[in-house]
Amino acid sequence: GSSYRTKCCSNIECDKNFQNCQGFQCFKKDKWDGGYAGCKLGAPADWLGTVLGGAIVPREIKPAPEDTQTQGTSLFCFSVVMWNLPPSAGYYDSEANLANNWKRQGLGILHCDDHMIVDGLPAPRSGWGSTANIDVFIKYWQQVHDDGRYKSHDWIAKVDTDAVFFPARLKLHLQNLRTPKGSRVFLLNNGYKFKFMGALEVMTREAADLYYENAARCSSGEGGHSGGEDYYMKSCLIGIGVDIQVDETLLYDKYAAQNGCGDGWAACFHFYKTVAEWNGCHGEALNAQKAHDDAWNAEH
């Protein structure tokens, strides 16, 4: 429908491989002042068709110069756990088992400066891109807002339960990005498809504040409910004017055909749906990190 910013459109349409993406334009439907305008790839035949504006192009924020304050790296992390949901396949463990495993060992989000475990809400097990899935995740983000602790930190990270996550590594990435202090920024985290995969969603506190101010506008349908929760969130953030930084080495994801956990720099590995696989990935990543650190120290 109509725009987030005046006469601009956040809607994007891509082919099935998320390539050849095109931004929508804002077209006037009728001749009346204050009449209807909408975001479309092209003007429908029965519309007036006057172009009022184009697609929103996100602004990429450059690293802060050496003499400029940066955002800091204090992390508030949260995961959503479906405590009562059976495994999605017979050979997987339940989310409860996965979460209890990293909780018992004090790993993952427990290494963030503060963390929150959100109880998953009952929802139909539906396909990627379902409105039901997106609406439930909107409620999870609202719980984080209502909890309020995120406001005491520089960054907020949503981490999937079946992800092997290293907050200390994420902080190293954030240091390298040198995000200017106070920026409203979210991170593109992988080179695959639309470059924002939901296993690790990272944004500044200021970006989260802007999202919460505009959450109702996003959920009302201005940004659409197409795609998965991650695609919805990316479209919403861009639509409301959140800037981007890019670090395609943040997340190592099987959905991006990145198998194994032998990368010593990635901050997160996804997806590992049995306790044995999760623990194995964690151990492999620690060994890779030691090799990575040894190589770096040898060079410096």
C-alpha atoms as a PDB file:
ATOM      1  CA  GLY A   1       0.000   0.000   0.000  1.00  0.00           C
ATOM      2  CA  SER A   2       1.087   3.523   0.697  1.00  0.00           C
ATOM      3  CA  SER A   3       4.479   4.579   1.891  1.00  0.00           C
ATOM      4  CA  TYR A   4       6.501   4.665   5.116  1.00  0.00           C
ATOM      5  CA  ARG A   5       8.298   7.820   4.094  1.00  0.00           C
ATOM      6  CA  THR A   6       6.396  10.361   2.067  1.00  0.00           C
ATOM      7  CA  LYS A   7       6.001   9.109  -1.488  1.00  0.00           C
ATOM      8  CA  CYS A   8       8.583   6.354  -1.111  1.00  0.00           C
ATOM      9  CA  CYS A   9       8.166   2.606  -1.199  1.00  0.00           C
ATOM     10  CA  SER A  10      10.023  -0.063   0.754  1.00  0.00           C
ATOM     11  CA  ASN A  11       8.454  -2.950  -1.172  1.00  0.00           C
ATOM     12  CA  ILE A  12      10.872  -5.104  -3.166  1.00  0.00           C
ATOM     13  CA  GLU A  13      10.044  -7.917  -5.552  1.00  0.00           C
ATOM     14  CA  CYS A  14      12.623 -10.552  -6.444  1.00  0.00           C
ATOM     15  CA  ASP A  15      12.618 -13.766  -8.432  1.00  0.00           C
ATOM     16  CA  LYS A  16      12.410 -17.127  -6.653  1.00  0.00           C
ATOM     17  CA  ASN A  17      16.164 -17.079  -6.009  1.00  0.00           C
ATOM     18  CA  PHE A  18      15.973 -13.565  -4.501  1.00  0.00           C
ATOM     19  CA  GLN A  19      17.917 -12.223  -7.449  1.00  0.00           C
ATOM     20  CA  ASN A  20      16.961  -9.520  -9.977  1.00  0.00           C
ATOM     21  CA  CYS A  21      15.240  -7.498  -7.284  1.00  0.00           C
ATOM     22  CA  GLN A  22      13.238  -4.402  -8.199  1.00  0.00           C
ATOM     23  CA  GLY A  23      11.992  -1.650  -5.941  1.00  0.00           C
ATOM     24  CA  PHE A  24       8.398  -0.463  -6.226  1.00  0.00           C
ATOM     25  CA  GLN A  25       7.381   3.049  -7.265  1.00  0.00           C
ATOM     26  CA  CYS A  26       4.611   5.114  -5.727  1.00  0.00           C
ATOM     27  CA  PHE A  27       1.805   5.728  -8.252  1.00  0.00           C
ATOM     28  CA  LYS A  28      -1.223   7.992  -7.954  1.00  0.00           C
ATOM     29  CA  LYS A  29      -4.478   6.124  -8.504  1.00  0.00           C
ATOM     30  CA  ASP A  30      -6.879   9.037  -9.033  1.00  0.00           C
ATOM     31  CA  LYS A  31      -6.842  12.757  -9.759  1.00  0.00           C
ATOM     32  CA  TRP A  32      -8.127  13.913  -6.371  1.00  0.00           C
ATOM     33  CA  ASP A  33      -5.963  15.783  -3.872  1.00  0.00           C
ATOM     34  CA  GLY A  34      -5.499  13.481  -0.908  1.00  0.00           C
ATOM     35  CA  GLY A  35      -6.631  10.548  -3.048  1.00  0.00           C
ATOM     36  CA  TYR A  36      -5.165   7.061  -3.039  1.00  0.00           C
ATOM     37  CA  ALA A  37      -1.598   6.232  -4.026  1.00  0.00           C
ATOM     38  CA  GLY A  38       0.103   2.886  -3.816  1.00  0.00           C
ATOM     39  CA  CYS A  39       3.422   1.124  -4.232  1.00  0.00           C
ATOM     40  CA  LYS A  40       3.566  -1.044  -7.344  1.00  0.00           C
ATOM     41  CA  LEU A  41       6.126  -2.412  -9.792  1.00  0.00           C
ATOM     42  CA  GLY A  42       4.125  -0.664 -12.519  1.00  0.00           C
ATOM     43  CA  ALA A  43       0.980   1.432 -12.616  1.00  0.00           C
ATOM     44  CA  PRO A  44      -2.218  -0.628 -13.057  1.00  0.00           C
ATOM     45  CA  ALA A  45      -4.036   0.128 -16.306  1.00  0.00           C
ATOM     46  CA  ASP A  46      -6.986   1.804 -14.565  1.00  0.00           C
ATOM     47  CA  TRP A  47      -4.841   4.119 -12.404  1.00  0.00           C
ATOM     48  CA  LEU A  48      -3.912   7.695 -13.219  1.00  0.00           C
ATOM     49  CA  GLY A  49      -0.320   6.518 -13.026  1.00  0.00           C
ATOM     50  CA  THR A  50       1.459   9.709 -11.967  1.00  0.00           C
ATOM     51  CA  VAL A  51       4.762   8.715 -10.326  1.00  0.00           C
ATOM     52  CA  LEU A  52       5.000  10.322  -6.887  1.00  0.00           C
ATOM     53  CA  GLY A  53       8.215   8.695  -5.738  1.00  0.00           C
ATOM     54  CA  GLY A  54      10.553   5.777  -6.082  1.00  0.00           C
ATOM     55  CA  ALA A  55      11.990   2.975  -4.027  1.00  0.00           C
ATOM     56  CA  ILE A  56      13.711   3.517  -0.712  1.00  0.00           C
ATOM     57  CA  VAL A  57      17.420   2.837  -1.038  1.00  0.00           C
ATOM     58  CA  PRO A  58      18.989   2.008   2.320  1.00  0.00           C
ATOM     59  CA  ARG A  59      21.979   4.085   3.366  1.00  0.00           C
ATOM     60  CA  GLU A  60      25.126   2.151   4.197  1.00  0.00           C
ATOM     61  CA  ILE A  61      26.990   3.680   7.131  1.00  0.00           C
ATOM     62  CA  LYS A  62      30.755   3.832   6.826  1.00  0.00           C
ATOM     63  CA  PRO A  63      33.087   3.060   9.756  1.00  0.00           C
ATOM     64  CA  ALA A  64      33.643   5.999  12.078  1.00  0.00           C
ATOM     65  CA  PRO A  65      36.983   7.788  11.675  1.00  0.00           C
ATOM     66  CA  GLU A  66      39.581   7.082  14.339  1.00  0.00           C
ATOM     67  CA  ASP A  67      38.845  10.353  16.163  1.00  0.00           C
ATOM     68  CA  THR A  68      35.076   9.698  16.329  1.00  0.00           C
ATOM     69  CA  GLN A  69      33.155   7.903  19.077  1.00  0.00           C
ATOM     70  CA  THR A  70      31.798   4.472  18.195  1.00  0.00           C
ATOM     71  CA  GLN A  71      28.713   2.665  19.384  1.00  0.00           C
ATOM     72  CA  GLY A  72      30.299   0.402  21.973  1.00  0.00           C
ATOM     73  CA  THR A  73      29.722  -3.348  22.133  1.00  0.00           C
ATOM     74  CA  SER A  74      27.419  -3.993  25.101  1.00  0.00           C
ATOM     75  CA  LEU A  75      25.054  -6.775  23.994  1.00  0.00           C
ATOM     76  CA  PHE A  76      21.477  -7.613  24.955  1.00  0.00           C
ATOM     77  CA  CYS A  77      20.549 -10.955  23.408  1.00  0.00           C
ATOM     78  CA  PHE A  78      17.338 -12.923  23.276  1.00  0.00           C
ATOM     79  CA  SER A  79      16.144 -16.265  21.997  1.00  0.00           C
ATOM     80  CA  VAL A  80      12.637 -17.609  21.557  1.00  0.00           C
ATOM     81  CA  VAL A  81      12.178 -21.164  22.836  1.00  0.00           C
ATOM     82  CA  MET A  82       9.162 -23.291  21.979  1.00  0.00           C
ATOM     83  CA  TRP A  83       9.305 -25.245  25.214  1.00  0.00           C
ATOM     84  CA  ASN A  84       6.369 -27.535  24.480  1.00  0.00           C
ATOM     85  CA  LEU A  85       6.771 -28.073  20.750  1.00  0.00           C
ATOM     86  CA  PRO A  86       7.830 -31.570  19.639  1.00  0.00           C
ATOM     87  CA  PRO A  87      10.790 -31.883  17.246  1.00  0.00           C
ATOM     88  CA  SER A  88      10.082 -30.788  13.669  1.00  0.00           C
ATOM     89  CA  ALA A  89      11.431 -34.144  12.485  1.00  0.00           C
ATOM     90  CA  GLY A  90      11.905 -37.451  14.249  1.00  0.00           C
ATOM     91  CA  TYR A  91      15.693 -37.332  14.196  1.00  0.00           C
ATOM     92  CA  TYR A  92      15.867 -33.818  15.694  1.00  0.00           C
ATOM     93  CA  ASP A  93      15.765 -32.850  19.348  1.00  0.00           C
ATOM     94  CA  SER A  94      13.085 -30.511  20.664  1.00  0.00           C
ATOM     95  CA  GLU A  95      13.831 -26.815  21.107  1.00  0.00           C
ATOM     96  CA  ALA A  96      13.503 -27.362  24.846  1.00  0.00           C
ATOM     97  CA  ASN A  97      16.313 -29.924  24.783  1.00  0.00           C
ATOM     98  CA  LEU A  98      18.502 -27.649  22.669  1.00  0.00           C
ATOM     99  CA  ALA A  99      17.905 -24.651  24.914  1.00  0.00           C
ATOM    100  CA  ASN A 100      18.424 -26.600  28.121  1.00  0.00           C
ATOM    101  CA  ASN A 101      21.719 -27.871  26.716  1.00  0.00           C
ATOM    102  CA  TRP A 102      23.231 -24.414  26.174  1.00  0.00           C
ATOM    103  CA  LYS A 103      21.619 -23.106  29.354  1.00  0.00           C
ATOM    104  CA  ARG A 104      23.138 -25.925  31.408  1.00  0.00           C
ATOM    105  CA  GLN A 105      26.588 -25.226  29.967  1.00  0.00           C
ATOM    106  CA  GLY A 106      26.247 -21.445  30.277  1.00  0.00           C
ATOM    107  CA  LEU A 107      26.890 -20.908  26.563  1.00  0.00           C
ATOM    108  CA  GLY A 108      25.435 -18.849  23.720  1.00  0.00           C
ATOM    109  CA  ILE A 109      23.303 -15.897  24.743  1.00  0.00           C
ATOM    110  CA  LEU A 110      24.251 -16.451  28.392  1.00  0.00           C
ATOM    111  CA  HIS A 111      27.630 -14.903  27.498  1.00  0.00           C
ATOM    112  CA  CYS A 112      25.986 -11.634  26.404  1.00  0.00           C
ATOM    113  CA  ASP A 113      26.013  -8.690  28.813  1.00  0.00           C
ATOM    114  CA  ASP A 114      22.362  -9.494  29.516  1.00  0.00           C
ATOM    115  CA  HIS A 115      19.906 -11.876  27.947  1.00  0.00           C
ATOM    116  CA  MET A 116      16.280 -12.882  27.828  1.00  0.00           C
ATOM    117  CA  ILE A 117      14.624 -16.180  26.952  1.00  0.00           C
ATOM    118  CA  VAL A 118      11.190 -15.577  25.454  1.00  0.00           C
ATOM    119  CA  ASP A 119       8.630 -18.352  25.814  1.00  0.00           C
ATOM    120  CA  GLY A 120       7.401 -19.351  22.369  1.00  0.00           C
ATOM    121  CA  LEU A 121       3.715 -18.876  21.684  1.00  0.00           C
ATOM    122  CA  PRO A 122       1.537 -21.597  20.193  1.00  0.00           C
ATOM    123  CA  ALA A 123       1.378 -21.093  16.446  1.00  0.00           C
ATOM    124  CA  PRO A 124       0.570 -23.267  13.458  1.00  0.00           C
ATOM    125  CA  ARG A 125       3.633 -24.963  12.027  1.00  0.00           C
ATOM    126  CA  SER A 126       3.292 -23.193   8.727  1.00  0.00           C
ATOM    127  CA  GLY A 127       5.528 -22.495   5.788  1.00  0.00           C
ATOM    128  CA  TRP A 128       8.095 -19.779   5.281  1.00  0.00           C
ATOM    129  CA  GLY A 129       6.369 -16.505   4.640  1.00  0.00           C
ATOM    130  CA  SER A 130       3.225 -17.194   6.601  1.00  0.00           C
ATOM    131  CA  THR A 131       1.477 -14.224   8.170  1.00  0.00           C
ATOM    132  CA  ALA A 132       0.943 -16.300  11.319  1.00  0.00           C
ATOM    133  CA  ASN A 133       4.694 -16.816  11.774  1.00  0.00           C
ATOM    134  CA  ILE A 134       5.437 -13.124  11.261  1.00  0.00           C
ATOM    135  CA  ASP A 135       2.671 -11.977  13.598  1.00  0.00           C
ATOM    136  CA  VAL A 136       3.979 -14.215  16.379  1.00  0.00           C
ATOM    137  CA  PHE A 137       7.499 -12.812  15.992  1.00  0.00           C
ATOM    138  CA  ILE A 138       6.141  -9.276  16.193  1.00  0.00           C
ATOM    139  CA  LYS A 139       4.770 -10.246  19.611  1.00  0.00           C
ATOM    140  CA  TYR A 140       8.173 -11.623  20.682  1.00  0.00           C
ATOM    141  CA  TRP A 141       9.885  -8.352  19.810  1.00  0.00           C
ATOM    142  CA  GLN A 142       7.188  -6.536  21.777  1.00  0.00           C
ATOM    143  CA  GLN A 143       7.977  -8.652  24.838  1.00  0.00           C
ATOM    144  CA  VAL A 144      11.606  -7.546  24.591  1.00  0.00           C
ATOM    145  CA  HIS A 145      10.412  -3.933  24.482  1.00  0.00           C
ATOM    146  CA  ASP A 146       8.159  -4.410  27.493  1.00  0.00           C
ATOM    147  CA  ASP A 147      11.015  -6.059  29.409  1.00  0.00           C
ATOM    148  CA  GLY A 148      13.040  -2.898  28.786  1.00  0.00           C
ATOM    149  CA  ARG A 149      16.539  -4.158  29.604  1.00  0.00           C
ATOM    150  CA  TYR A 150      17.718  -3.763  26.003  1.00  0.00           C
ATOM    151  CA  LYS A 151      17.766   0.013  26.577  1.00  0.00           C
ATOM    152  CA  SER A 152      20.799  -0.374  28.850  1.00  0.00           C
ATOM    153  CA  HIS A 153      22.940  -1.799  26.030  1.00  0.00           C
ATOM    154  CA  ASP A 154      24.465  -0.704  22.738  1.00  0.00           C
ATOM    155  CA  TRP A 155      23.217  -3.575  20.579  1.00  0.00           C
ATOM    156  CA  ILE A 156      20.361  -6.056  20.558  1.00  0.00           C
ATOM    157  CA  ALA A 157      20.669  -9.514  19.006  1.00  0.00           C
ATOM    158  CA  LYS A 158      17.966 -12.089  18.306  1.00  0.00           C
ATOM    159  CA  VAL A 159      19.511 -15.552  18.157  1.00  0.00           C
ATOM    160  CA  ASP A 160      17.770 -18.741  17.072  1.00  0.00           C
ATOM    161  CA  THR A 161      17.652 -21.582  19.599  1.00  0.00           C
ATOM    162  CA  ASP A 162      19.330 -23.986  17.170  1.00  0.00           C
ATOM    163  CA  ALA A 163      22.204 -21.592  16.437  1.00  0.00           C
ATOM    164  CA  VAL A 164      25.678 -21.994  17.937  1.00  0.00           C
ATOM    165  CA  PHE A 165      26.456 -18.431  18.963  1.00  0.00           C
ATOM    166  CA  PHE A 166      29.624 -16.759  20.261  1.00  0.00           C
ATOM    167  CA  PRO A 167      28.887 -13.291  21.692  1.00  0.00           C
ATOM    168  CA  ALA A 168      32.590 -12.527  22.209  1.00  0.00           C
ATOM    169  CA  ARG A 169      33.175 -13.019  18.480  1.00  0.00           C
ATOM    170  CA  LEU A 170      30.222 -10.796  17.653  1.00  0.00           C
ATOM    171  CA  LYS A 171      31.801  -8.061  19.779  1.00  0.00           C
ATOM    172  CA  LEU A 172      35.023  -8.345  17.738  1.00  0.00           C
ATOM    173  CA  HIS A 173      32.990  -7.907  14.551  1.00  0.00           C
ATOM    174  CA  LEU A 174      31.256  -4.880  16.060  1.00  0.00           C
ATOM    175  CA  GLN A 175      34.597  -3.347  17.008  1.00  0.00           C
ATOM    176  CA  ASN A 176      35.762  -3.771  13.410  1.00  0.00           C
ATOM    177  CA  LEU A 177      32.611  -2.168  12.019  1.00  0.00           C
ATOM    178  CA  ARG A 178      33.249   1.015  14.039  1.00  0.00           C
ATOM    179  CA  THR A 179      29.579   1.996  13.975  1.00  0.00           C
ATOM    180  CA  PRO A 180      29.314   5.742  14.714  1.00  0.00           C
ATOM    181  CA  LYS A 181      27.873   6.272  18.198  1.00  0.00           C
ATOM    182  CA  GLY A 182      24.099   6.697  18.229  1.00  0.00           C
ATOM    183  CA  SER A 183      23.549   5.301  14.721  1.00  0.00           C
ATOM    184  CA  ARG A 184      20.297   3.609  13.840  1.00  0.00           C
ATOM    185  CA  VAL A 185      21.830   0.585  12.120  1.00  0.00           C
ATOM    186  CA  PHE A 186      21.129  -3.082  11.504  1.00  0.00           C
ATOM    187  CA  LEU A 187      23.627  -5.559  10.105  1.00  0.00           C
ATOM    188  CA  LEU A 188      23.407  -7.506   6.870  1.00  0.00           C
ATOM    189  CA  ASN A 189      24.921 -10.754   8.055  1.00  0.00           C
ATOM    190  CA  ASN A 190      25.494 -13.124   5.125  1.00  0.00           C
ATOM    191  CA  GLY A 191      26.054 -12.951   1.379  1.00  0.00           C
ATOM    192  CA  TYR A 192      23.109 -15.253   0.622  1.00  0.00           C
ATOM    193  CA  LYS A 193      19.946 -14.048  -1.117  1.00  0.00           C
ATOM    194  CA  PHE A 194      18.656 -10.915   0.656  1.00  0.00           C
ATOM    195  CA  LYS A 195      21.651 -10.885   3.053  1.00  0.00           C
ATOM    196  CA  PHE A 196      19.709 -10.769   6.304  1.00  0.00           C
ATOM    197  CA  MET A 197      19.174 -14.266   7.678  1.00  0.00           C
ATOM    198  CA  GLY A 198      17.058 -14.633  10.770  1.00  0.00           C
ATOM    199  CA  ALA A 199      19.319 -16.903  12.828  1.00  0.00           C
ATOM    200  CA  LEU A 200      21.226 -13.809  14.020  1.00  0.00           C
ATOM    201  CA  GLU A 201      19.479 -10.430  13.771  1.00  0.00           C
ATOM    202  CA  VAL A 202      21.641  -7.603  15.122  1.00  0.00           C
ATOM    203  CA  MET A 203      20.761  -3.920  15.425  1.00  0.00           C
ATOM    204  CA  THR A 204      21.707  -0.933  17.565  1.00  0.00           C
ATOM    205  CA  ARG A 205      19.550   0.103  20.501  1.00  0.00           C
ATOM    206  CA  GLU A 206      18.648   3.226  18.540  1.00  0.00           C
ATOM    207  CA  ALA A 207      17.458   1.112  15.591  1.00  0.00           C
ATOM    208  CA  ALA A 208      15.339  -0.980  17.952  1.00  0.00           C
ATOM    209  CA  ASP A 209      13.836   2.181  19.447  1.00  0.00           C
ATOM    210  CA  LEU A 210      12.863   3.388  15.971  1.00  0.00           C
ATOM    211  CA  TYR A 211      11.385  -0.027  15.168  1.00  0.00           C
ATOM    212  CA  TYR A 212       9.254   0.067  18.306  1.00  0.00           C
ATOM    213  CA  GLU A 213       8.024   3.565  17.458  1.00  0.00           C
ATOM    214  CA  ASN A 214       6.903   2.274  14.051  1.00  0.00           C
ATOM    215  CA  ALA A 215       6.071  -1.377  14.721  1.00  0.00           C
ATOM    216  CA  ALA A 216       2.352  -0.822  14.254  1.00  0.00           C
ATOM    217  CA  ARG A 217       2.942   0.759  10.849  1.00  0.00           C
ATOM    218  CA  CYS A 218       4.991  -2.218   9.728  1.00  0.00           C
ATOM    219  CA  SER A 219       2.533  -4.800  11.031  1.00  0.00           C
ATOM    220  CA  SER A 220      -0.432  -2.944   9.530  1.00  0.00           C
ATOM    221  CA  GLY A 221       0.695  -4.105   6.115  1.00  0.00           C
ATOM    222  CA  GLU A 222       2.574  -1.064   4.807  1.00  0.00           C
ATOM    223  CA  GLY A 223       5.620  -3.286   4.375  1.00  0.00           C
ATOM    224  CA  GLY A 224       3.683  -6.402   3.492  1.00  0.00           C
ATOM    225  CA  HIS A 225       3.886  -9.807   5.124  1.00  0.00           C
ATOM    226  CA  SER A 226       5.686 -11.525   2.290  1.00  0.00           C
ATOM    227  CA  GLY A 227       8.663 -13.754   2.972  1.00  0.00           C
ATOM    228  CA  GLY A 228       9.830 -15.030   6.321  1.00  0.00           C
ATOM    229  CA  GLU A 229      10.179 -13.164   9.589  1.00  0.00           C
ATOM    230  CA  ASP A 230      13.684 -12.056   8.625  1.00  0.00           C
ATOM    231  CA  TYR A 231      12.555 -10.687   5.243  1.00  0.00           C
ATOM    232  CA  TYR A 232       9.664  -8.905   6.955  1.00  0.00           C
ATOM    233  CA  MET A 233      11.992  -7.350   9.534  1.00  0.00           C
ATOM    234  CA  LYS A 234      14.497  -6.222   6.909  1.00  0.00           C
ATOM    235  CA  SER A 235      11.736  -4.609   4.834  1.00  0.00           C
ATOM    236  CA  CYS A 236      10.325  -2.901   7.910  1.00  0.00           C
ATOM    237  CA  LEU A 237      13.678  -1.542   9.096  1.00  0.00           C
ATOM    238  CA  ILE A 238      14.596  -0.187   5.687  1.00  0.00           C
ATOM    239  CA  GLY A 239      11.108   1.243   5.257  1.00  0.00           C
ATOM    240  CA  ILE A 240      11.254   3.248   8.477  1.00  0.00           C
ATOM    241  CA  GLY A 241      14.706   4.628   7.698  1.00  0.00           C
ATOM    242  CA  VAL A 242      17.134   2.403   9.604  1.00  0.00           C
ATOM    243  CA  ASP A 243      20.581   2.402   8.005  1.00  0.00           C
ATOM    244  CA  ILE A 244      22.719  -0.642   7.252  1.00  0.00           C
ATOM    245  CA  GLN A 245      26.211  -1.923   7.759  1.00  0.00           C
ATOM    246  CA  VAL A 246      27.410  -5.047   6.009  1.00  0.00           C
ATOM    247  CA  ASP A 247      29.364  -7.934   7.521  1.00  0.00           C
ATOM    248  CA  GLU A 248      28.783 -11.049   5.451  1.00  0.00           C
ATOM    249  CA  THR A 249      31.124 -13.063   7.711  1.00  0.00           C
ATOM    250  CA  LEU A 250      28.891 -12.781  10.800  1.00  0.00           C
ATOM    251  CA  LEU A 251      26.754 -15.855  10.176  1.00  0.00           C
ATOM    252  CA  TYR A 252      27.666 -19.279   8.790  1.00  0.00           C
ATOM    253  CA  ASP A 253      24.384 -20.906   7.751  1.00  0.00           C
ATOM    254  CA  LYS A 254      23.417 -24.239   6.219  1.00  0.00           C
ATOM    255  CA  TYR A 255      20.650 -22.435   4.340  1.00  0.00           C
ATOM    256  CA  ALA A 256      23.469 -20.602   2.536  1.00  0.00           C
ATOM    257  CA  ALA A 257      25.155 -23.951   1.802  1.00  0.00           C
ATOM    258  CA  GLN A 258      27.764 -23.232   4.487  1.00  0.00           C
ATOM    259  CA  ASN A 259      28.231 -26.539   6.256  1.00  0.00           C
ATOM    260  CA  GLY A 260      30.408 -27.294   9.230  1.00  0.00           C
ATOM    261  CA  CYS A 261      31.727 -25.042  11.975  1.00  0.00           C
ATOM    262  CA  GLY A 262      35.386 -24.808  11.028  1.00  0.00           C
ATOM    263  CA  ASP A 263      35.416 -21.049  10.636  1.00  0.00           C
ATOM    264  CA  GLY A 264      37.387 -19.284  13.334  1.00  0.00           C
ATOM    265  CA  TRP A 265      35.829 -15.856  12.749  1.00  0.00           C
ATOM    266  CA  ALA A 266      32.069 -16.328  12.223  1.00  0.00           C
ATOM    267  CA  ALA A 267      30.032 -15.315  15.272  1.00  0.00           C
ATOM    268  CA  CYS A 268      27.179 -17.751  14.696  1.00  0.00           C
ATOM    269  CA  PHE A 269      26.593 -21.148  13.076  1.00  0.00           C
ATOM    270  CA  HIS A 270      23.131 -22.334  12.054  1.00  0.00           C
ATOM    271  CA  PHE A 271      21.322 -24.768  12.206  1.00  0.00           C
ATOM    272  CA  TYR A 272      22.146 -27.598  14.637  1.00  0.00           C
ATOM    273  CA  LYS A 273      18.981 -29.355  15.697  1.00  0.00           C
ATOM    274  CA  THR A 274      20.300 -32.124  17.943  1.00  0.00           C
ATOM    275  CA  VAL A 275      22.215 -31.684  21.186  1.00  0.00           C
ATOM    276  CA  ALA A 276      25.050 -33.853  19.839  1.00  0.00           C
ATOM    277  CA  GLU A 277      25.350 -31.804  16.636  1.00  0.00           C
ATOM    278  CA  TRP A 278      25.157 -28.520  18.556  1.00  0.00           C
ATOM    279  CA  ASN A 279      27.913 -29.577  20.972  1.00  0.00           C
ATOM    280  CA  GLY A 280      30.011 -30.915  18.098  1.00  0.00           C
ATOM    281  CA  CYS A 281      29.702 -27.631  16.221  1.00  0.00           C
ATOM    282  CA  HIS A 282      30.616 -25.663  19.338  1.00  0.00           C
ATOM    283  CA  GLY A 283      33.755 -27.721  19.846  1.00  0.00           C
ATOM    284  CA  GLU A 284      34.767 -27.498  16.192  1.00  0.00           C
ATOM    285  CA  ALA A 285      34.308 -23.717  16.212  1.00  0.00           C
ATOM    286  CA  LEU A 286      36.467 -23.344  19.351  1.00  0.00           C
ATOM    287  CA  ASN A 287      39.269 -25.350  17.708  1.00  0.00           C
ATOM    288  CA  ALA A 288      38.965 -23.218  14.568  1.00  0.00           C
ATOM    289  CA  GLN A 289      39.095 -20.066  16.673  1.00  0.00           C
ATOM    290  CA  LYS A 290      42.333 -21.202  18.338  1.00  0.00           C
ATOM    291  CA  ALA A 291      43.861 -21.842  14.907  1.00  0.00           C
ATOM    292  CA  HIS A 292      42.572 -18.464  13.680  1.00  0.00           C
ATOM    293  CA  ASP A 293      43.978 -16.660  16.713  1.00  0.00           C
ATOM    294  CA  ASP A 294      47.332 -18.474  16.473  1.00  0.00           C
ATOM    295  CA  ALA A 295      47.636 -17.480  12.807  1.00  0.00           C
ATOM    296  CA  TRP A 296      46.769 -13.863  13.595  1.00  0.00           C
ATOM    297  CA  ASN A 297      49.294 -13.723  16.439  1.00  0.00           C
ATOM    298  CA  ALA A 298      51.983 -15.187  14.204  1.00  0.00           C
ATOM    299  CA  GLU A 299      51.387 -12.446  11.653  1.00  0.00           C
ATOM    300  CA  HIS A 300      51.397  -9.655  14.243  1.00  0.00           C
END
